Amino acid sequence: TDLDGNAVDPFTGDAPATVLVFVATT
């Protein structure tokens, strides 16, 4: 979800590449 609680599929659309970087505040 985004920070407002809306479901997000990062793989929709026609981007040539999708990058997920996993991070943590702490």
mmCIF file of all heavy atoms, coordinates in Angstrom:
data_MODEL
# 
_entry.id   MODEL 
# 
loop_
_atom_site.group_PDB 
_atom_site.id 
_atom_site.type_symbol 
_atom_site.label_atom_id 
_atom_site.label_alt_id 
_atom_site.label_comp_id 
_atom_site.label_asym_id 
_atom_site.label_entity_id 
_atom_site.label_seq_id 
_atom_site.pdbx_PDB_ins_code 
_atom_site.Cartn_x 
_atom_site.Cartn_y 
_atom_site.Cartn_z 
_atom_site.occupancy 
_atom_site.B_iso_or_equiv 
_atom_site.pdbx_formal_charge 
_atom_site.auth_seq_id 
_atom_site.auth_comp_id 
_atom_site.auth_asym_id 
_atom_site.auth_atom_id 
_atom_site.pdbx_PDB_model_num 
ATOM 1   N N   . THR A 1 1  ? 0.843  -1.196 0.000   1.00 0.00 ? 1  THR A N   1 
ATOM 2   C CA  . THR A 1 1  ? 0.000  0.000  0.000   1.00 0.00 ? 1  THR A CA  1 
ATOM 3   C C   . THR A 1 1  ? 0.876  1.243  0.000   1.00 0.00 ? 1  THR A C   1 
ATOM 4   O O   . THR A 1 1  ? 2.041  1.204  0.406   1.00 0.00 ? 1  THR A O   1 
ATOM 5   C CB  . THR A 1 1  ? -0.923 0.049  1.235   1.00 0.00 ? 1  THR A CB  1 
ATOM 6   O OG1 . THR A 1 1  ? -0.121 0.116  2.410   1.00 0.00 ? 1  THR A OG1 1 
ATOM 7   C CG2 . THR A 1 1  ? -1.839 -1.160 1.297   1.00 0.00 ? 1  THR A CG2 1 
ATOM 8   N N   . ASP A 1 2  ? 0.286  2.348  -0.449  1.00 0.00 ? 2  ASP A N   1 
ATOM 9   C CA  . ASP A 1 2  ? 0.976  3.616  -0.297  1.00 0.00 ? 2  ASP A CA  1 
ATOM 10  C C   . ASP A 1 2  ? 0.787  4.084  1.144   1.00 0.00 ? 2  ASP A C   1 
ATOM 11  O O   . ASP A 1 2  ? 0.186  3.371  1.959   1.00 0.00 ? 2  ASP A O   1 
ATOM 12  C CB  . ASP A 1 2  ? 0.492  4.643  -1.327  1.00 0.00 ? 2  ASP A CB  1 
ATOM 13  C CG  . ASP A 1 2  ? -0.973 5.033  -1.180  1.00 0.00 ? 2  ASP A CG  1 
ATOM 14  O OD1 . ASP A 1 2  ? -1.584 4.788  -0.107  1.00 0.00 ? 2  ASP A OD1 1 
ATOM 15  O OD2 . ASP A 1 2  ? -1.516 5.611  -2.139  1.00 0.00 ? 2  ASP A OD2 1 
ATOM 16  N N   . LEU A 1 3  ? 1.263  5.254  1.473   1.00 0.00 ? 3  LEU A N   1 
ATOM 17  C CA  . LEU A 1 3  ? 1.212  5.704  2.853   1.00 0.00 ? 3  LEU A CA  1 
ATOM 18  C C   . LEU A 1 3  ? -0.184 6.141  3.288   1.00 0.00 ? 3  LEU A C   1 
ATOM 19  O O   . LEU A 1 3  ? -0.412 6.385  4.469   1.00 0.00 ? 3  LEU A O   1 
ATOM 20  C CB  . LEU A 1 3  ? 2.217  6.831  3.076   1.00 0.00 ? 3  LEU A CB  1 
ATOM 21  C CG  . LEU A 1 3  ? 3.674  6.429  2.848   1.00 0.00 ? 3  LEU A CG  1 
ATOM 22  C CD1 . LEU A 1 3  ? 4.610  7.578  3.153   1.00 0.00 ? 3  LEU A CD1 1 
ATOM 23  C CD2 . LEU A 1 3  ? 4.035  5.197  3.650   1.00 0.00 ? 3  LEU A CD2 1 
ATOM 24  N N   . ASP A 1 4  ? -1.118 6.212  2.334   1.00 0.00 ? 4  ASP A N   1 
ATOM 25  C CA  . ASP A 1 4  ? -2.511 6.518  2.659   1.00 0.00 ? 4  ASP A CA  1 
ATOM 26  C C   . ASP A 1 4  ? -3.362 5.256  2.756   1.00 0.00 ? 4  ASP A C   1 
ATOM 27  O O   . ASP A 1 4  ? -4.577 5.330  2.928   1.00 0.00 ? 4  ASP A O   1 
ATOM 28  C CB  . ASP A 1 4  ? -3.102 7.475  1.624   1.00 0.00 ? 4  ASP A CB  1 
ATOM 29  C CG  . ASP A 1 4  ? -2.424 8.835  1.661   1.00 0.00 ? 4  ASP A CG  1 
ATOM 30  O OD1 . ASP A 1 4  ? -2.109 9.311  2.780   1.00 0.00 ? 4  ASP A OD1 1 
ATOM 31  O OD2 . ASP A 1 4  ? -2.194 9.408  0.587   1.00 0.00 ? 4  ASP A OD2 1 
ATOM 32  N N   . GLY A 1 5  ? -2.742 4.084  2.605   1.00 0.00 ? 5  GLY A N   1 
ATOM 33  C CA  . GLY A 1 5  ? -3.453 2.816  2.722   1.00 0.00 ? 5  GLY A CA  1 
ATOM 34  C C   . GLY A 1 5  ? -4.059 2.298  1.434   1.00 0.00 ? 5  GLY A C   1 
ATOM 35  O O   . GLY A 1 5  ? -4.762 1.291  1.440   1.00 0.00 ? 5  GLY A O   1 
ATOM 36  N N   . ASN A 1 6  ? -3.780 2.945  0.306   1.00 0.00 ? 6  ASN A N   1 
ATOM 37  C CA  . ASN A 1 6  ? -4.311 2.499  -0.978  1.00 0.00 ? 6  ASN A CA  1 
ATOM 38  C C   . ASN A 1 6  ? -3.438 1.385  -1.547  1.00 0.00 ? 6  ASN A C   1 
ATOM 39  O O   . ASN A 1 6  ? -2.203 1.497  -1.555  1.00 0.00 ? 6  ASN A O   1 
ATOM 40  C CB  . ASN A 1 6  ? -4.346 3.670  -1.974  1.00 0.00 ? 6  ASN A CB  1 
ATOM 41  C CG  . ASN A 1 6  ? -5.184 4.808  -1.469  1.00 0.00 ? 6  ASN A CG  1 
ATOM 42  O OD1 . ASN A 1 6  ? -6.336 4.622  -1.088  1.00 0.00 ? 6  ASN A OD1 1 
ATOM 43  N ND2 . ASN A 1 6  ? -4.606 6.001  -1.439  1.00 0.00 ? 6  ASN A ND2 1 
ATOM 44  N N   . ALA A 1 7  ? -4.070 0.319  -2.036  1.00 0.00 ? 7  ALA A N   1 
ATOM 45  C CA  . ALA A 1 7  ? -3.329 -0.789 -2.641  1.00 0.00 ? 7  ALA A CA  1 
ATOM 46  C C   . ALA A 1 7  ? -2.575 -0.297 -3.870  1.00 0.00 ? 7  ALA A C   1 
ATOM 47  O O   . ALA A 1 7  ? -3.090 0.502  -4.654  1.00 0.00 ? 7  ALA A O   1 
ATOM 48  C CB  . ALA A 1 7  ? -4.283 -1.913 -3.025  1.00 0.00 ? 7  ALA A CB  1 
ATOM 49  N N   . VAL A 1 8  ? -1.341 -0.755 -4.009  1.00 0.00 ? 8  VAL A N   1 
ATOM 50  C CA  . VAL A 1 8  ? -0.482 -0.353 -5.129  1.00 0.00 ? 8  VAL A CA  1 
ATOM 51  C C   . VAL A 1 8  ? 0.158  -1.599 -5.721  1.00 0.00 ? 8  VAL A C   1 
ATOM 52  O O   . VAL A 1 8  ? 0.711  -2.423 -4.995  1.00 0.00 ? 8  VAL A O   1 
ATOM 53  C CB  . VAL A 1 8  ? 0.626  0.618  -4.665  1.00 0.00 ? 8  VAL A CB  1 
ATOM 54  C CG1 . VAL A 1 8  ? 1.577  0.943  -5.810  1.00 0.00 ? 8  VAL A CG1 1 
ATOM 55  C CG2 . VAL A 1 8  ? 0.037  1.887  -4.080  1.00 0.00 ? 8  VAL A CG2 1 
ATOM 56  N N   . ASP A 1 9  ? 0.083  -1.720 -7.037  1.00 0.00 ? 9  ASP A N   1 
ATOM 57  C CA  . ASP A 1 9  ? 0.800  -2.773 -7.745  1.00 0.00 ? 9  ASP A CA  1 
ATOM 58  C C   . ASP A 1 9  ? 1.935  -2.101 -8.506  1.00 0.00 ? 9  ASP A C   1 
ATOM 59  O O   . ASP A 1 9  ? 1.703  -1.450 -9.524  1.00 0.00 ? 9  ASP A O   1 
ATOM 60  C CB  . ASP A 1 9  ? -0.124 -3.510 -8.706  1.00 0.00 ? 9  ASP A CB  1 
ATOM 61  C CG  . ASP A 1 9  ? 0.578  -4.622 -9.462  1.00 0.00 ? 9  ASP A CG  1 
ATOM 62  O OD1 . ASP A 1 9  ? 1.817  -4.779 -9.315  1.00 0.00 ? 9  ASP A OD1 1 
ATOM 63  O OD2 . ASP A 1 9  ? -0.102 -5.342 -10.217 1.00 0.00 ? 9  ASP A OD2 1 
ATOM 64  N N   . PRO A 1 10 ? 3.170  -2.223 -8.025  1.00 0.00 ? 10 PRO A N   1 
ATOM 65  C CA  . PRO A 1 10 ? 4.278  -1.529 -8.681  1.00 0.00 ? 10 PRO A CA  1 
ATOM 66  C C   . PRO A 1 10 ? 4.611  -2.074 -10.073 1.00 0.00 ? 10 PRO A C   1 
ATOM 67  O O   . PRO A 1 10 ? 5.412  -1.478 -10.792 1.00 0.00 ? 10 PRO A O   1 
ATOM 68  C CB  . PRO A 1 10 ? 5.451  -1.739 -7.723  1.00 0.00 ? 10 PRO A CB  1 
ATOM 69  C CG  . PRO A 1 10 ? 5.103  -2.928 -6.924  1.00 0.00 ? 10 PRO A CG  1 
ATOM 70  C CD  . PRO A 1 10 ? 3.600  -2.964 -6.846  1.00 0.00 ? 10 PRO A CD  1 
ATOM 71  N N   . PHE A 1 11 ? 3.985  -3.166 -10.466 1.00 0.00 ? 11 PHE A N   1 
ATOM 72  C CA  . PHE A 1 11 ? 4.313  -3.789 -11.739 1.00 0.00 ? 11 PHE A CA  1 
ATOM 73  C C   . PHE A 1 11 ? 3.339  -3.430 -12.858 1.00 0.00 ? 11 PHE A C   1 
ATOM 74  O O   . PHE A 1 11 ? 3.463  -3.955 -13.956 1.00 0.00 ? 11 PHE A O   1 
ATOM 75  C CB  . PHE A 1 11 ? 4.397  -5.307 -11.559 1.00 0.00 ? 11 PHE A CB  1 
ATOM 76  C CG  . PHE A 1 11 ? 5.381  -5.690 -10.493 1.00 0.00 ? 11 PHE A CG  1 
ATOM 77  C CD1 . PHE A 1 11 ? 4.948  -6.100 -9.252  1.00 0.00 ? 11 PHE A CD1 1 
ATOM 78  C CD2 . PHE A 1 11 ? 6.746  -5.575 -10.713 1.00 0.00 ? 11 PHE A CD2 1 
ATOM 79  C CE1 . PHE A 1 11 ? 5.845  -6.419 -8.241  1.00 0.00 ? 11 PHE A CE1 1 
ATOM 80  C CE2 . PHE A 1 11 ? 7.658  -5.885 -9.717  1.00 0.00 ? 11 PHE A CE2 1 
ATOM 81  C CZ  . PHE A 1 11 ? 7.206  -6.303 -8.481  1.00 0.00 ? 11 PHE A CZ  1 
ATOM 82  N N   . THR A 1 12 ? 2.383  -2.550 -12.589 1.00 0.00 ? 12 THR A N   1 
ATOM 83  C CA  . THR A 1 12 ? 1.486  -2.106 -13.649 1.00 0.00 ? 12 THR A CA  1 
ATOM 84  C C   . THR A 1 12 ? 2.166  -0.998 -14.442 1.00 0.00 ? 12 THR A C   1 
ATOM 85  O O   . THR A 1 12 ? 3.056  -0.318 -13.954 1.00 0.00 ? 12 THR A O   1 
ATOM 86  C CB  . THR A 1 12 ? 0.147  -1.597 -13.082 1.00 0.00 ? 12 THR A CB  1 
ATOM 87  O OG1 . THR A 1 12 ? 0.402  -0.509 -12.197 1.00 0.00 ? 12 THR A OG1 1 
ATOM 88  C CG2 . THR A 1 12 ? -0.599 -2.700 -12.362 1.00 0.00 ? 12 THR A CG2 1 
ATOM 89  N N   . GLY A 1 13 ? 1.744  -0.831 -15.666 1.00 0.00 ? 13 GLY A N   1 
ATOM 90  C CA  . GLY A 1 13 ? 2.326  0.210  -16.508 1.00 0.00 ? 13 GLY A CA  1 
ATOM 91  C C   . GLY A 1 13 ? 3.387  -0.356 -17.422 1.00 0.00 ? 13 GLY A C   1 
ATOM 92  O O   . GLY A 1 13 ? 3.603  -1.559 -17.496 1.00 0.00 ? 13 GLY A O   1 
ATOM 93  N N   . ASP A 1 14 ? 4.052  0.551  -18.107 1.00 0.00 ? 14 ASP A N   1 
ATOM 94  C CA  . ASP A 1 14 ? 4.994  0.115  -19.138 1.00 0.00 ? 14 ASP A CA  1 
ATOM 95  C C   . ASP A 1 14 ? 6.430  0.558  -18.864 1.00 0.00 ? 14 ASP A C   1 
ATOM 96  O O   . ASP A 1 14 ? 7.196  0.797  -19.791 1.00 0.00 ? 14 ASP A O   1 
ATOM 97  C CB  . ASP A 1 14 ? 4.530  0.609  -20.501 1.00 0.00 ? 14 ASP A CB  1 
ATOM 98  C CG  . ASP A 1 14 ? 4.390  2.125  -20.550 1.00 0.00 ? 14 ASP A CG  1 
ATOM 99  O OD1 . ASP A 1 14 ? 4.584  2.793  -19.512 1.00 0.00 ? 14 ASP A OD1 1 
ATOM 100 O OD2 . ASP A 1 14 ? 4.095  2.645  -21.642 1.00 0.00 ? 14 ASP A OD2 1 
ATOM 101 N N   . ALA A 1 15 ? 6.803  0.655  -17.624 1.00 0.00 ? 15 ALA A N   1 
ATOM 102 C CA  . ALA A 1 15 ? 8.182  1.024  -17.291 1.00 0.00 ? 15 ALA A CA  1 
ATOM 103 C C   . ALA A 1 15 ? 9.143  -0.031 -17.840 1.00 0.00 ? 15 ALA A C   1 
ATOM 104 O O   . ALA A 1 15 ? 8.859  -1.228 -17.759 1.00 0.00 ? 15 ALA A O   1 
ATOM 105 C CB  . ALA A 1 15 ? 8.355  1.153  -15.774 1.00 0.00 ? 15 ALA A CB  1 
ATOM 106 N N   . PRO A 1 16 ? 10.282 0.383  -18.379 1.00 0.00 ? 16 PRO A N   1 
ATOM 107 C CA  . PRO A 1 16 ? 11.244 -0.603 -18.880 1.00 0.00 ? 16 PRO A CA  1 
ATOM 108 C C   . PRO A 1 16 ? 11.871 -1.431 -17.764 1.00 0.00 ? 16 PRO A C   1 
ATOM 109 O O   . PRO A 1 16 ? 12.347 -2.532 -18.014 1.00 0.00 ? 16 PRO A O   1 
ATOM 110 C CB  . PRO A 1 16 ? 12.294 0.253  -19.588 1.00 0.00 ? 16 PRO A CB  1 
ATOM 111 C CG  . PRO A 1 16 ? 12.175 1.598  -18.971 1.00 0.00 ? 16 PRO A CG  1 
ATOM 112 C CD  . PRO A 1 16 ? 10.733 1.755  -18.572 1.00 0.00 ? 16 PRO A CD  1 
ATOM 113 N N   . ALA A 1 17 ? 11.838 -0.905 -16.540 1.00 0.00 ? 17 ALA A N   1 
ATOM 114 C CA  . ALA A 1 17 ? 12.344 -1.646 -15.377 1.00 0.00 ? 17 ALA A CA  1 
ATOM 115 C C   . ALA A 1 17 ? 11.681 -1.080 -14.130 1.00 0.00 ? 17 ALA A C   1 
ATOM 116 O O   . ALA A 1 17 ? 11.393 0.117  -14.042 1.00 0.00 ? 17 ALA A O   1 
ATOM 117 C CB  . ALA A 1 17 ? 13.850 -1.538 -15.262 1.00 0.00 ? 17 ALA A CB  1 
ATOM 118 N N   . THR A 1 18 ? 11.411 -1.967 -13.190 1.00 0.00 ? 18 THR A N   1 
ATOM 119 C CA  . THR A 1 18 ? 10.883 -1.581 -11.888 1.00 0.00 ? 18 THR A CA  1 
ATOM 120 C C   . THR A 1 18 ? 11.881 -2.028 -10.840 1.00 0.00 ? 18 THR A C   1 
ATOM 121 O O   . THR A 1 18 ? 12.335 -3.172 -10.860 1.00 0.00 ? 18 THR A O   1 
ATOM 122 C CB  . THR A 1 18 ? 9.514  -2.239 -11.633 1.00 0.00 ? 18 THR A CB  1 
ATOM 123 O OG1 . THR A 1 18 ? 8.597  -1.802 -12.657 1.00 0.00 ? 18 THR A OG1 1 
ATOM 124 C CG2 . THR A 1 18 ? 8.959  -1.867 -10.268 1.00 0.00 ? 18 THR A CG2 1 
ATOM 125 N N   . VAL A 1 19 ? 12.222 -1.117 -9.944  1.00 0.00 ? 19 VAL A N   1 
ATOM 126 C CA  . VAL A 1 19 ? 13.207 -1.397 -8.909  1.00 0.00 ? 19 VAL A CA  1 
ATOM 127 C C   . VAL A 1 19 ? 12.531 -1.236 -7.552  1.00 0.00 ? 19 VAL A C   1 
ATOM 128 O O   . VAL A 1 19 ? 11.887 -0.225 -7.284  1.00 0.00 ? 19 VAL A O   1 
ATOM 129 C CB  . VAL A 1 19 ? 14.416 -0.436 -9.011  1.00 0.00 ? 19 VAL A CB  1 
ATOM 130 C CG1 . VAL A 1 19 ? 15.424 -0.720 -7.909  1.00 0.00 ? 19 VAL A CG1 1 
ATOM 131 C CG2 . VAL A 1 19 ? 15.059 -0.542 -10.383 1.00 0.00 ? 19 VAL A CG2 1 
ATOM 132 N N   . LEU A 1 20 ? 12.675 -2.246 -6.717  1.00 0.00 ? 20 LEU A N   1 
ATOM 133 C CA  . LEU A 1 20 ? 12.195 -2.195 -5.345  1.00 0.00 ? 20 LEU A CA  1 
ATOM 134 C C   . LEU A 1 20 ? 13.420 -2.162 -4.440  1.00 0.00 ? 20 LEU A C   1 
ATOM 135 O O   . LEU A 1 20 ? 14.271 -3.050 -4.535  1.00 0.00 ? 20 LEU A O   1 
ATOM 136 C CB  . LEU A 1 20 ? 11.348 -3.428 -5.009  1.00 0.00 ? 20 LEU A CB  1 
ATOM 137 C CG  . LEU A 1 20 ? 10.175 -3.743 -5.927  1.00 0.00 ? 20 LEU A CG  1 
ATOM 138 C CD1 . LEU A 1 20 ? 9.490  -5.026 -5.474  1.00 0.00 ? 20 LEU A CD1 1 
ATOM 139 C CD2 . LEU A 1 20 ? 9.187  -2.584 -5.984  1.00 0.00 ? 20 LEU A CD2 1 
ATOM 140 N N   . VAL A 1 21 ? 13.506 -1.134 -3.601  1.00 0.00 ? 21 VAL A N   1 
ATOM 141 C CA  . VAL A 1 21 ? 14.589 -1.043 -2.632  1.00 0.00 ? 21 VAL A CA  1 
ATOM 142 C C   . VAL A 1 21 ? 13.961 -1.136 -1.256  1.00 0.00 ? 21 VAL A C   1 
ATOM 143 O O   . VAL A 1 21 ? 13.175 -0.276 -0.864  1.00 0.00 ? 21 VAL A O   1 
ATOM 144 C CB  . VAL A 1 21 ? 15.409 0.253  -2.771  1.00 0.00 ? 21 VAL A CB  1 
ATOM 145 C CG1 . VAL A 1 21 ? 16.524 0.289  -1.730  1.00 0.00 ? 21 VAL A CG1 1 
ATOM 146 C CG2 . VAL A 1 21 ? 15.988 0.387  -4.177  1.00 0.00 ? 21 VAL A CG2 1 
ATOM 147 N N   . PHE A 1 22 ? 14.270 -2.193 -0.543  1.00 0.00 ? 22 PHE A N   1 
ATOM 148 C CA  . PHE A 1 22 ? 13.698 -2.454 0.774   1.00 0.00 ? 22 PHE A CA  1 
ATOM 149 C C   . PHE A 1 22 ? 14.532 -1.731 1.822   1.00 0.00 ? 22 PHE A C   1 
ATOM 150 O O   . PHE A 1 22 ? 15.752 -1.911 1.881   1.00 0.00 ? 22 PHE A O   1 
ATOM 151 C CB  . PHE A 1 22 ? 13.647 -3.962 1.026   1.00 0.00 ? 22 PHE A CB  1 
ATOM 152 C CG  . PHE A 1 22 ? 12.700 -4.650 0.088   1.00 0.00 ? 22 PHE A CG  1 
ATOM 153 C CD1 . PHE A 1 22 ? 13.090 -4.969 -1.207  1.00 0.00 ? 22 PHE A CD1 1 
ATOM 154 C CD2 . PHE A 1 22 ? 11.405 -4.957 0.485   1.00 0.00 ? 22 PHE A CD2 1 
ATOM 155 C CE1 . PHE A 1 22 ? 12.210 -5.583 -2.091  1.00 0.00 ? 22 PHE A CE1 1 
ATOM 156 C CE2 . PHE A 1 22 ? 10.521 -5.563 -0.388  1.00 0.00 ? 22 PHE A CE2 1 
ATOM 157 C CZ  . PHE A 1 22 ? 10.918 -5.872 -1.682  1.00 0.00 ? 22 PHE A CZ  1 
ATOM 158 N N   . VAL A 1 23 ? 13.865 -0.897 2.620   1.00 0.00 ? 23 VAL A N   1 
ATOM 159 C CA  . VAL A 1 23 ? 14.536 -0.096 3.640   1.00 0.00 ? 23 VAL A CA  1 
ATOM 160 C C   . VAL A 1 23 ? 13.727 -0.149 4.932   1.00 0.00 ? 23 VAL A C   1 
ATOM 161 O O   . VAL A 1 23 ? 12.583 -0.598 4.935   1.00 0.00 ? 23 VAL A O   1 
ATOM 162 C CB  . VAL A 1 23 ? 14.707 1.379  3.187   1.00 0.00 ? 23 VAL A CB  1 
ATOM 163 C CG1 . VAL A 1 23 ? 15.594 1.480  1.955   1.00 0.00 ? 23 VAL A CG1 1 
ATOM 164 C CG2 . VAL A 1 23 ? 13.359 2.029  2.929   1.00 0.00 ? 23 VAL A CG2 1 
ATOM 165 N N   . ALA A 1 24 ? 14.341 0.324  6.007   1.00 0.00 ? 24 ALA A N   1 
ATOM 166 C CA  . ALA A 1 24 ? 13.644 0.416  7.293   1.00 0.00 ? 24 ALA A CA  1 
ATOM 167 C C   . ALA A 1 24 ? 14.082 1.695  7.994   1.00 0.00 ? 24 ALA A C   1 
ATOM 168 O O   . ALA A 1 24 ? 15.257 2.088  7.899   1.00 0.00 ? 24 ALA A O   1 
ATOM 169 C CB  . ALA A 1 24 ? 13.963 -0.798 8.167   1.00 0.00 ? 24 ALA A CB  1 
ATOM 170 N N   . THR A 1 25 ? 13.161 2.320  8.680   1.00 0.00 ? 25 THR A N   1 
ATOM 171 C CA  . THR A 1 25 ? 13.461 3.593  9.343   1.00 0.00 ? 25 THR A CA  1 
ATOM 172 C C   . THR A 1 25 ? 14.536 3.437  10.406  1.00 0.00 ? 25 THR A C   1 
ATOM 173 O O   . THR A 1 25 ? 15.307 4.363  10.638  1.00 0.00 ? 25 THR A O   1 
ATOM 174 C CB  . THR A 1 25 ? 12.206 4.206  9.988   1.00 0.00 ? 25 THR A CB  1 
ATOM 175 O OG1 . THR A 1 25 ? 11.701 3.306  10.979  1.00 0.00 ? 25 THR A OG1 1 
ATOM 176 C CG2 . THR A 1 25 ? 11.135 4.494  8.952   1.00 0.00 ? 25 THR A CG2 1 
ATOM 177 N N   . THR A 1 26 ? 14.608 2.284  11.048  1.00 0.00 ? 26 THR A N   1 
ATOM 178 C CA  . THR A 1 26 ? 15.537 2.088  12.158  1.00 0.00 ? 26 THR A CA  1 
ATOM 179 C C   . THR A 1 26 ? 16.807 1.347  11.771  1.00 0.00 ? 26 THR A C   1 
ATOM 180 O O   . THR A 1 26 ? 17.612 1.023  12.638  1.00 0.00 ? 26 THR A O   1 
ATOM 181 C CB  . THR A 1 26 ? 14.847 1.318  13.302  1.00 0.00 ? 26 THR A CB  1 
ATOM 182 O OG1 . THR A 1 26 ? 14.400 0.059  12.783  1.00 0.00 ? 26 THR A OG1 1 
ATOM 183 C CG2 . THR A 1 26 ? 13.668 2.103  13.865  1.00 0.00 ? 26 THR A CG2 1 
# 
